Each structure stands twice: as structure tokens, then as C-alpha cells.
Amino acid sequence: MQRSDEVLKAAADKVCVKGLAAALKVSPALVYKWCQSHDPSDPETSGTRNPLDRVAQIVSVTGDVEVVNWLCNQAGGFFTPNPEVDVTKMDMDLLMGTQQLVKEFSDMLEEVSRSIADDGVIEPAEAARIRRHWEHLKRVAETFVVSGECGLFNDQQGSS
């Protein structure tokens, strides 16, 4: 995962630091500091806590992800947390996991096809069913990805 200063620097580079600073009504020096690595335990780092770090701290302190959801809405989306995955209870075979992922995707597409087949329109109840399929697909996909990240596919027979 990228550090907050890296994310902020990439964003600032799109409009230039001075342009971002002017829009935010802060000094370019402050924006440059936000875009540098910050570690409070390391006096050698020259950066400072940036707005992304502060939002993360707000969520951590309050336990309320509605702040993140609000930001996502401002960007035209919505926040969907990753499902909790207990790797100690996972027993996933690479081929079986891949097949399950493809099946869930196929099920979602089938629901979309069924929804538009009769009248060419997706009604609210149909949209709700599609949303349920989509949310389930995301959980299955996240479980598959976490399985790979945890090395559950590394010792499979016949894998390369």
C-alpha cells in the first residue's frame, strides 16, 4: 500500500504544488512538506503530517468510517470496506478459488441479463438483486486475493 505522502505527491504533481497550494490557500512549502515522508519517531524525516494522515487518524480515533464515505461521495463514489477474512479458517485450492470467482462473476452477469430480458429496463428491485450479487462477488474476490497474499497458493501441487 502506498504511503499517504506518496499519494498526495502524485495528486499534487497533476496540478503542480504551487497550484494546489494556491487553491488550498496554504503555502507551497507546506504542500511540499505534506508530500515528504513523515515519521514522528525519526527526526531525520523532513515531512509533516498531511491531510490524509489526519483523516486516517480521525477514522482511527472515532471508529467511524462515515468520514471516508463522505470523501468517496465527494469523488463520485462510495466506500465499501473489505470483508474480514480469517486466513486460519481458509482452505482454498487455487483452481477451486479461481472457478468460484468466475462462477460468482457469471452469476452477477446472469442477474443483469435476467433483469433486462423482459423489458429492457432494470427496475429498483432488480437493481437491489444485482447489488447483492456484486457485494457477494467482491467478498469472494477479496478472499481470493487475500489467499494469494497469504501464500495459500504457494505450496499447491502442480503450480508453477
N, C-alpha and C. Protein backbone atom coordinates (compact mmCIF):
# COMPACT_ATOMS: atom_id res chain seq x y z
N MET A 1 0.84 -1.17 0.00
CA MET A 1 0.00 0.00 0.00
C MET A 1 0.89 1.24 0.00
N GLN A 2 0.48 2.22 -0.76
CA GLN A 2 1.24 3.46 -0.82
C GLN A 2 1.10 4.25 0.48
N ARG A 3 2.16 4.99 0.78
CA ARG A 3 2.12 5.89 1.94
C ARG A 3 1.32 7.13 1.55
N SER A 4 0.78 7.80 2.56
CA SER A 4 -0.04 8.99 2.31
C SER A 4 0.75 10.07 1.58
N ASP A 5 2.02 10.24 1.92
CA ASP A 5 2.80 11.29 1.26
C ASP A 5 2.99 10.98 -0.22
N GLU A 6 3.10 9.70 -0.57
CA GLU A 6 3.24 9.31 -1.97
C GLU A 6 1.95 9.59 -2.75
N VAL A 7 0.82 9.28 -2.12
CA VAL A 7 -0.47 9.53 -2.76
C VAL A 7 -0.67 11.02 -2.96
N LEU A 8 -0.38 11.79 -1.94
CA LEU A 8 -0.56 13.24 -2.02
C LEU A 8 0.39 13.86 -3.05
N LYS A 9 1.62 13.38 -3.10
CA LYS A 9 2.58 13.90 -4.09
C LYS A 9 2.11 13.62 -5.51
N ALA A 10 1.60 12.40 -5.75
CA ALA A 10 1.11 12.07 -7.09
C ALA A 10 -0.06 12.98 -7.47
N ALA A 11 -0.93 13.27 -6.52
CA ALA A 11 -2.06 14.16 -6.79
C ALA A 11 -1.57 15.59 -7.05
N ALA A 12 -0.64 16.05 -6.21
CA ALA A 12 -0.11 17.41 -6.35
C ALA A 12 0.61 17.58 -7.68
N ASP A 13 1.29 16.53 -8.13
CA ASP A 13 2.02 16.61 -9.40
C ASP A 13 1.10 16.85 -10.59
N LYS A 14 -0.17 16.50 -10.45
CA LYS A 14 -1.13 16.69 -11.56
C LYS A 14 -1.47 18.16 -11.78
N VAL A 15 -1.36 18.97 -10.73
CA VAL A 15 -1.71 20.39 -10.86
C VAL A 15 -0.56 21.30 -10.47
N CYS A 16 0.54 20.77 -10.06
CA CYS A 16 1.74 21.42 -9.55
C CYS A 16 1.51 21.88 -8.11
N VAL A 17 2.55 21.80 -7.33
CA VAL A 17 2.47 22.13 -5.91
C VAL A 17 1.98 23.55 -5.69
N LYS A 18 2.49 24.47 -6.48
CA LYS A 18 2.08 25.88 -6.30
C LYS A 18 0.60 26.06 -6.60
N GLY A 19 0.11 25.38 -7.63
CA GLY A 19 -1.31 25.46 -7.96
C GLY A 19 -2.19 24.88 -6.86
N LEU A 20 -1.76 23.74 -6.30
CA LEU A 20 -2.51 23.14 -5.22
C LEU A 20 -2.49 24.03 -3.98
N ALA A 21 -1.31 24.57 -3.68
CA ALA A 21 -1.18 25.46 -2.51
C ALA A 21 -2.09 26.68 -2.67
N ALA A 22 -2.11 27.26 -3.85
CA ALA A 22 -2.95 28.44 -4.08
C ALA A 22 -4.43 28.09 -3.91
N ALA A 23 -4.85 26.94 -4.44
CA ALA A 23 -6.25 26.53 -4.33
C ALA A 23 -6.64 26.28 -2.87
N LEU A 24 -5.70 25.76 -2.09
CA LEU A 24 -5.97 25.46 -0.68
C LEU A 24 -5.71 26.65 0.24
N LYS A 25 -5.13 27.70 -0.33
CA LYS A 25 -4.76 28.89 0.44
C LYS A 25 -3.79 28.56 1.57
N VAL A 26 -2.77 27.76 1.20
CA VAL A 26 -1.66 27.45 2.11
C VAL A 26 -0.36 27.70 1.34
N SER A 27 0.73 27.69 2.03
CA SER A 27 2.00 27.96 1.36
C SER A 27 2.48 26.74 0.58
N PRO A 28 3.18 26.97 -0.52
CA PRO A 28 3.77 25.85 -1.26
C PRO A 28 4.72 25.04 -0.38
N ALA A 29 5.41 25.71 0.55
CA ALA A 29 6.33 25.00 1.44
C ALA A 29 5.58 23.94 2.26
N LEU A 30 4.36 24.27 2.71
CA LEU A 30 3.57 23.31 3.48
C LEU A 30 3.17 22.13 2.62
N VAL A 31 2.76 22.38 1.39
CA VAL A 31 2.38 21.29 0.50
C VAL A 31 3.59 20.40 0.22
N TYR A 32 4.76 21.03 0.01
CA TYR A 32 5.98 20.23 -0.18
C TYR A 32 6.23 19.35 1.05
N LYS A 33 6.04 19.88 2.25
CA LYS A 33 6.24 19.11 3.49
C LYS A 33 5.26 17.94 3.56
N TRP A 34 3.99 18.19 3.16
CA TRP A 34 2.99 17.13 3.16
C TRP A 34 3.40 15.99 2.23
N CYS A 35 4.12 16.32 1.15
CA CYS A 35 4.49 15.34 0.12
C CYS A 35 5.80 14.63 0.44
N GLN A 36 6.35 14.87 1.63
CA GLN A 36 7.57 14.19 2.05
C GLN A 36 7.24 13.20 3.15
N SER A 37 8.05 12.16 3.24
CA SER A 37 7.86 11.14 4.26
C SER A 37 7.89 11.75 5.66
N HIS A 38 6.98 11.27 6.51
CA HIS A 38 6.90 11.77 7.89
C HIS A 38 6.85 10.58 8.85
N ASP A 39 7.78 10.56 9.76
CA ASP A 39 7.81 9.55 10.82
C ASP A 39 8.16 10.27 12.11
N PRO A 40 7.18 10.43 13.02
CA PRO A 40 7.43 11.19 14.25
C PRO A 40 8.56 10.62 15.11
N SER A 41 8.84 9.32 14.94
CA SER A 41 9.91 8.72 15.74
C SER A 41 11.28 8.88 15.10
N ASP A 42 11.32 9.41 13.88
CA ASP A 42 12.59 9.59 13.17
C ASP A 42 12.83 11.07 12.91
N PRO A 43 13.74 11.70 13.65
CA PRO A 43 13.99 13.14 13.48
C PRO A 43 14.61 13.48 12.12
N GLU A 44 15.05 12.48 11.37
CA GLU A 44 15.67 12.72 10.07
C GLU A 44 14.64 12.97 8.97
N THR A 45 13.38 12.56 9.19
CA THR A 45 12.38 12.79 8.14
C THR A 45 12.00 14.27 8.14
N SER A 46 11.81 14.80 6.94
CA SER A 46 11.56 16.23 6.84
C SER A 46 10.09 16.57 6.62
N GLY A 47 9.27 15.56 6.39
CA GLY A 47 7.87 15.82 6.11
C GLY A 47 7.08 16.12 7.38
N THR A 48 5.79 16.41 7.17
CA THR A 48 4.90 16.68 8.28
C THR A 48 3.59 15.95 8.02
N ARG A 49 2.81 15.74 9.08
CA ARG A 49 1.52 15.06 8.90
C ARG A 49 0.69 15.83 7.88
N ASN A 50 0.17 15.09 6.93
CA ASN A 50 -0.62 15.72 5.88
C ASN A 50 -2.10 15.47 6.10
N PRO A 51 -2.95 16.09 5.30
CA PRO A 51 -4.40 15.92 5.48
C PRO A 51 -4.87 14.46 5.41
N LEU A 52 -4.21 13.65 4.58
CA LEU A 52 -4.60 12.24 4.51
C LEU A 52 -4.31 11.52 5.82
N ASP A 53 -3.14 11.81 6.42
CA ASP A 53 -2.81 11.23 7.72
C ASP A 53 -3.84 11.64 8.76
N ARG A 54 -4.26 12.89 8.70
CA ARG A 54 -5.22 13.42 9.67
C ARG A 54 -6.59 12.75 9.52
N VAL A 55 -7.03 12.55 8.29
CA VAL A 55 -8.31 11.86 8.07
C VAL A 55 -8.21 10.42 8.59
N ALA A 56 -7.10 9.76 8.31
CA ALA A 56 -6.90 8.39 8.82
C ALA A 56 -6.95 8.38 10.35
N GLN A 57 -6.38 9.39 10.97
CA GLN A 57 -6.40 9.47 12.43
C GLN A 57 -7.82 9.71 12.95
N ILE A 58 -8.58 10.55 12.26
CA ILE A 58 -9.97 10.79 12.66
C ILE A 58 -10.75 9.47 12.65
N VAL A 59 -10.58 8.69 11.58
CA VAL A 59 -11.27 7.40 11.48
C VAL A 59 -10.79 6.46 12.58
N SER A 60 -9.49 6.44 12.82
CA SER A 60 -8.94 5.57 13.86
C SER A 60 -9.46 5.94 15.25
N VAL A 61 -9.48 7.22 15.55
CA VAL A 61 -9.90 7.68 16.88
C VAL A 61 -11.41 7.48 17.09
N THR A 62 -12.20 7.81 16.05
CA THR A 62 -13.65 7.74 16.21
C THR A 62 -14.22 6.36 15.89
N GLY A 63 -13.50 5.60 15.07
CA GLY A 63 -14.03 4.32 14.63
C GLY A 63 -15.17 4.48 13.63
N ASP A 64 -15.35 5.68 13.11
CA ASP A 64 -16.47 5.99 12.22
C ASP A 64 -15.96 6.18 10.80
N VAL A 65 -16.33 5.28 9.90
CA VAL A 65 -15.87 5.37 8.52
C VAL A 65 -16.74 6.29 7.68
N GLU A 66 -17.73 6.92 8.28
CA GLU A 66 -18.60 7.83 7.54
C GLU A 66 -17.80 9.00 6.97
N VAL A 67 -16.70 9.36 7.63
CA VAL A 67 -15.81 10.41 7.11
C VAL A 67 -15.25 9.97 5.75
N VAL A 68 -14.84 8.73 5.66
CA VAL A 68 -14.30 8.20 4.42
C VAL A 68 -15.41 8.11 3.37
N ASN A 69 -16.59 7.67 3.79
CA ASN A 69 -17.71 7.58 2.87
C ASN A 69 -18.04 8.95 2.30
N TRP A 70 -18.00 9.98 3.13
CA TRP A 70 -18.25 11.34 2.66
C TRP A 70 -17.23 11.74 1.59
N LEU A 71 -15.95 11.45 1.85
CA LEU A 71 -14.91 11.75 0.86
C LEU A 71 -15.15 10.99 -0.45
N CYS A 72 -15.52 9.73 -0.32
CA CYS A 72 -15.80 8.93 -1.51
C CYS A 72 -16.96 9.53 -2.30
N ASN A 73 -17.99 9.99 -1.59
CA ASN A 73 -19.13 10.64 -2.26
C ASN A 73 -18.69 11.91 -2.97
N GLN A 74 -17.79 12.67 -2.36
CA GLN A 74 -17.27 13.89 -3.00
C GLN A 74 -16.55 13.56 -4.30
N ALA A 75 -15.96 12.35 -4.37
CA ALA A 75 -15.24 11.92 -5.56
C ALA A 75 -16.14 11.14 -6.53
N GLY A 76 -17.44 11.07 -6.20
CA GLY A 76 -18.37 10.41 -7.10
C GLY A 76 -18.56 8.93 -6.84
N GLY A 77 -18.13 8.43 -5.69
CA GLY A 77 -18.27 7.01 -5.40
C GLY A 77 -18.81 6.78 -4.01
N PHE A 78 -18.51 5.61 -3.48
CA PHE A 78 -18.92 5.29 -2.12
C PHE A 78 -17.91 4.33 -1.52
N PHE A 79 -17.85 4.30 -0.22
CA PHE A 79 -16.89 3.47 0.49
C PHE A 79 -17.48 2.08 0.72
N THR A 80 -16.73 1.08 0.35
CA THR A 80 -17.09 -0.30 0.64
C THR A 80 -15.90 -0.95 1.33
N PRO A 81 -16.04 -1.28 2.61
CA PRO A 81 -14.90 -1.88 3.31
C PRO A 81 -14.62 -3.30 2.79
N ASN A 82 -13.37 -3.69 2.88
CA ASN A 82 -13.02 -5.06 2.55
C ASN A 82 -13.63 -5.99 3.59
N PRO A 83 -14.06 -7.17 3.16
CA PRO A 83 -14.61 -8.10 4.14
C PRO A 83 -13.51 -8.61 5.06
N GLU A 84 -13.88 -8.95 6.28
CA GLU A 84 -12.90 -9.54 7.19
C GLU A 84 -12.65 -10.97 6.74
N VAL A 85 -11.40 -11.32 6.62
CA VAL A 85 -11.01 -12.65 6.16
C VAL A 85 -10.15 -13.29 7.23
N ASP A 86 -10.58 -14.44 7.73
CA ASP A 86 -9.81 -15.18 8.73
C ASP A 86 -9.01 -16.25 8.00
N VAL A 87 -7.71 -15.97 7.77
CA VAL A 87 -6.89 -16.89 6.99
C VAL A 87 -6.69 -18.22 7.70
N THR A 88 -6.87 -18.27 9.01
CA THR A 88 -6.71 -19.54 9.72
C THR A 88 -7.84 -20.51 9.40
N LYS A 89 -8.95 -19.98 8.90
CA LYS A 89 -10.09 -20.84 8.57
C LYS A 89 -10.22 -21.06 7.06
N MET A 90 -9.23 -20.59 6.33
CA MET A 90 -9.31 -20.71 4.88
C MET A 90 -8.58 -21.96 4.42
N ASP A 91 -9.21 -22.65 3.51
CA ASP A 91 -8.60 -23.82 2.88
C ASP A 91 -8.96 -23.73 1.41
N MET A 92 -8.21 -22.90 0.69
CA MET A 92 -8.58 -22.64 -0.69
C MET A 92 -7.54 -23.22 -1.65
N ASP A 93 -8.02 -23.98 -2.56
CA ASP A 93 -7.22 -24.51 -3.64
C ASP A 93 -7.24 -23.47 -4.77
N LEU A 94 -6.12 -23.26 -5.43
CA LEU A 94 -6.03 -22.24 -6.47
C LEU A 94 -7.07 -22.44 -7.56
N LEU A 95 -7.17 -23.65 -8.09
CA LEU A 95 -8.12 -23.92 -9.16
C LEU A 95 -9.55 -23.72 -8.67
N MET A 96 -9.87 -24.26 -7.49
CA MET A 96 -11.22 -24.12 -6.95
C MET A 96 -11.55 -22.64 -6.68
N GLY A 97 -10.59 -21.91 -6.16
CA GLY A 97 -10.79 -20.49 -5.89
C GLY A 97 -11.05 -19.71 -7.17
N THR A 98 -10.29 -20.03 -8.20
CA THR A 98 -10.47 -19.37 -9.50
C THR A 98 -11.84 -19.69 -10.08
N GLN A 99 -12.23 -20.96 -9.99
CA GLN A 99 -13.54 -21.37 -10.51
C GLN A 99 -14.67 -20.68 -9.74
N GLN A 100 -14.53 -20.55 -8.43
CA GLN A 100 -15.56 -19.89 -7.63
C GLN A 100 -15.68 -18.41 -8.03
N LEU A 101 -14.54 -17.77 -8.22
CA LEU A 101 -14.55 -16.37 -8.61
C LEU A 101 -15.25 -16.18 -9.97
N VAL A 102 -14.93 -17.02 -10.93
CA VAL A 102 -15.55 -16.94 -12.25
C VAL A 102 -17.05 -17.23 -12.15
N LYS A 103 -17.43 -18.20 -11.33
CA LYS A 103 -18.85 -18.53 -11.15
C LYS A 103 -19.61 -17.36 -10.56
N GLU A 104 -19.06 -16.73 -9.55
CA GLU A 104 -19.75 -15.59 -8.92
C GLU A 104 -19.91 -14.43 -9.90
N PHE A 105 -18.88 -14.19 -10.73
CA PHE A 105 -18.97 -13.14 -11.74
C PHE A 105 -20.06 -13.49 -12.76
N SER A 106 -20.08 -14.76 -13.16
CA SER A 106 -21.09 -15.23 -14.10
C SER A 106 -22.50 -15.09 -13.51
N ASP A 107 -22.65 -15.41 -12.22
CA ASP A 107 -23.96 -15.26 -11.56
C ASP A 107 -24.43 -13.81 -11.58
N MET A 108 -23.50 -12.89 -11.34
CA MET A 108 -23.88 -11.48 -11.35
C MET A 108 -24.32 -11.05 -12.76
N LEU A 109 -23.56 -11.47 -13.78
CA LEU A 109 -23.93 -11.13 -15.15
C LEU A 109 -25.26 -11.75 -15.54
N GLU A 110 -25.52 -12.96 -15.04
CA GLU A 110 -26.80 -13.62 -15.31
C GLU A 110 -27.94 -12.82 -14.68
N GLU A 111 -27.73 -12.29 -13.49
CA GLU A 111 -28.76 -11.47 -12.84
C GLU A 111 -29.03 -10.20 -13.64
N VAL A 112 -27.98 -9.59 -14.19
CA VAL A 112 -28.15 -8.40 -15.03
C VAL A 112 -28.95 -8.78 -16.28
N SER A 113 -28.60 -9.89 -16.90
CA SER A 113 -29.30 -10.33 -18.12
C SER A 113 -30.76 -10.60 -17.84
N ARG A 114 -31.04 -11.29 -16.73
CA ARG A 114 -32.44 -11.57 -16.35
C ARG A 114 -33.22 -10.27 -16.13
N SER A 115 -32.54 -9.29 -15.53
CA SER A 115 -33.21 -8.04 -15.20
C SER A 115 -33.65 -7.27 -16.44
N ILE A 116 -32.85 -7.33 -17.48
CA ILE A 116 -33.20 -6.54 -18.68
C ILE A 116 -33.91 -7.37 -19.75
N ALA A 117 -33.97 -8.69 -19.57
CA ALA A 117 -34.53 -9.56 -20.61
C ALA A 117 -35.99 -9.29 -20.91
N ASP A 118 -36.78 -9.05 -19.88
CA ASP A 118 -38.23 -8.94 -20.12
C ASP A 118 -38.66 -7.57 -20.67
N ASP A 119 -38.02 -6.49 -20.19
CA ASP A 119 -38.48 -5.17 -20.63
C ASP A 119 -37.37 -4.19 -20.99
N GLY A 120 -36.13 -4.65 -20.94
CA GLY A 120 -35.01 -3.79 -21.30
C GLY A 120 -34.67 -2.73 -20.26
N VAL A 121 -35.27 -2.85 -19.07
CA VAL A 121 -35.08 -1.86 -18.02
C VAL A 121 -34.71 -2.59 -16.73
N ILE A 122 -33.85 -1.97 -15.94
CA ILE A 122 -33.53 -2.52 -14.63
C ILE A 122 -34.33 -1.74 -13.59
N GLU A 123 -35.31 -2.43 -13.02
CA GLU A 123 -36.18 -1.84 -12.00
C GLU A 123 -35.44 -1.79 -10.67
N PRO A 124 -35.92 -0.97 -9.72
CA PRO A 124 -35.24 -0.87 -8.41
C PRO A 124 -35.04 -2.21 -7.69
N ALA A 125 -36.03 -3.08 -7.72
CA ALA A 125 -35.88 -4.39 -7.06
C ALA A 125 -34.81 -5.22 -7.76
N GLU A 126 -34.77 -5.11 -9.09
CA GLU A 126 -33.75 -5.83 -9.85
C GLU A 126 -32.36 -5.26 -9.55
N ALA A 127 -32.28 -3.94 -9.46
CA ALA A 127 -31.01 -3.29 -9.12
C ALA A 127 -30.53 -3.74 -7.75
N ALA A 128 -31.45 -3.90 -6.82
CA ALA A 128 -31.08 -4.37 -5.47
C ALA A 128 -30.52 -5.79 -5.53
N ARG A 129 -31.11 -6.66 -6.36
CA ARG A 129 -30.58 -8.02 -6.51
C ARG A 129 -29.19 -7.99 -7.15
N ILE A 130 -29.01 -7.13 -8.15
CA ILE A 130 -27.69 -7.00 -8.79
C ILE A 130 -26.67 -6.52 -7.76
N ARG A 131 -27.06 -5.55 -6.94
CA ARG A 131 -26.17 -5.04 -5.89
C ARG A 131 -25.76 -6.17 -4.95
N ARG A 132 -26.71 -7.03 -4.54
CA ARG A 132 -26.38 -8.15 -3.64
C ARG A 132 -25.37 -9.09 -4.30
N HIS A 133 -25.59 -9.39 -5.59
CA HIS A 133 -24.63 -10.24 -6.31
C HIS A 133 -23.26 -9.57 -6.37
N TRP A 134 -23.25 -8.26 -6.64
CA TRP A 134 -21.99 -7.52 -6.73
C TRP A 134 -21.25 -7.55 -5.39
N GLU A 135 -21.95 -7.30 -4.31
CA GLU A 135 -21.31 -7.30 -2.98
C GLU A 135 -20.77 -8.69 -2.66
N HIS A 136 -21.51 -9.73 -3.02
CA HIS A 136 -21.02 -11.10 -2.77
C HIS A 136 -19.78 -11.38 -3.62
N LEU A 137 -19.82 -10.95 -4.88
CA LEU A 137 -18.66 -11.13 -5.77
C LEU A 137 -17.43 -10.44 -5.20
N LYS A 138 -17.59 -9.23 -4.65
CA LYS A 138 -16.45 -8.51 -4.08
C LYS A 138 -15.86 -9.28 -2.90
N ARG A 139 -16.74 -9.87 -2.07
CA ARG A 139 -16.23 -10.64 -0.93
C ARG A 139 -15.45 -11.87 -1.39
N VAL A 140 -15.98 -12.56 -2.38
CA VAL A 140 -15.30 -13.74 -2.92
C VAL A 140 -13.96 -13.34 -3.54
N ALA A 141 -13.96 -12.24 -4.29
CA ALA A 141 -12.72 -11.78 -4.92
C ALA A 141 -11.69 -11.38 -3.86
N GLU A 142 -12.13 -10.67 -2.83
CA GLU A 142 -11.20 -10.25 -1.78
C GLU A 142 -10.62 -11.47 -1.05
N THR A 143 -11.46 -12.45 -0.79
CA THR A 143 -10.98 -13.68 -0.15
C THR A 143 -9.93 -14.36 -1.03
N PHE A 144 -10.18 -14.39 -2.33
CA PHE A 144 -9.24 -14.99 -3.28
C PHE A 144 -7.91 -14.24 -3.26
N VAL A 145 -7.97 -12.91 -3.30
CA VAL A 145 -6.74 -12.10 -3.31
C VAL A 145 -5.98 -12.26 -2.00
N VAL A 146 -6.69 -12.22 -0.88
CA VAL A 146 -6.03 -12.38 0.43
C VAL A 146 -5.40 -13.76 0.52
N SER A 147 -6.05 -14.77 -0.02
CA SER A 147 -5.47 -16.11 -0.02
C SER A 147 -4.13 -16.12 -0.73
N GLY A 148 -4.08 -15.44 -1.87
CA GLY A 148 -2.81 -15.35 -2.60
C GLY A 148 -1.77 -14.56 -1.84
N GLU A 149 -2.18 -13.44 -1.24
CA GLU A 149 -1.25 -12.61 -0.47
C GLU A 149 -0.68 -13.36 0.73
N CYS A 150 -1.48 -14.25 1.30
CA CYS A 150 -1.04 -15.00 2.49
C CYS A 150 -0.25 -16.24 2.11
N GLY A 151 -0.08 -16.48 0.82
CA GLY A 151 0.72 -17.62 0.39
C GLY A 151 -0.02 -18.93 0.37
N LEU A 152 -1.34 -18.91 0.43
CA LEU A 152 -2.08 -20.17 0.45
C LEU A 152 -2.00 -20.92 -0.87
N PHE A 153 -1.59 -20.25 -1.94
CA PHE A 153 -1.48 -20.92 -3.23
C PHE A 153 -0.03 -21.30 -3.55
N ASN A 154 0.91 -20.97 -2.67
CA ASN A 154 2.34 -21.19 -2.96
C ASN A 154 2.74 -22.65 -2.97
N ASP A 155 2.11 -23.45 -2.14
CA ASP A 155 2.55 -24.85 -2.00
C ASP A 155 1.61 -25.82 -2.68
N GLN A 156 0.88 -25.36 -3.69
CA GLN A 156 -0.07 -26.20 -4.41
C GLN A 156 0.70 -27.17 -5.31
N GLN A 157 0.27 -28.39 -5.37
CA GLN A 157 0.88 -29.35 -6.27
C GLN A 157 0.56 -28.96 -7.70
N GLY A 158 1.52 -29.03 -8.54
CA GLY A 158 1.29 -28.71 -9.95
C GLY A 158 1.30 -27.24 -10.27
N SER A 159 1.52 -26.40 -9.25
CA SER A 159 1.58 -24.96 -9.56
C SER A 159 2.98 -24.59 -9.95
N SER A 160 3.09 -23.47 -10.68
CA SER A 160 4.43 -23.06 -11.10
C SER A 160 4.81 -21.76 -10.51
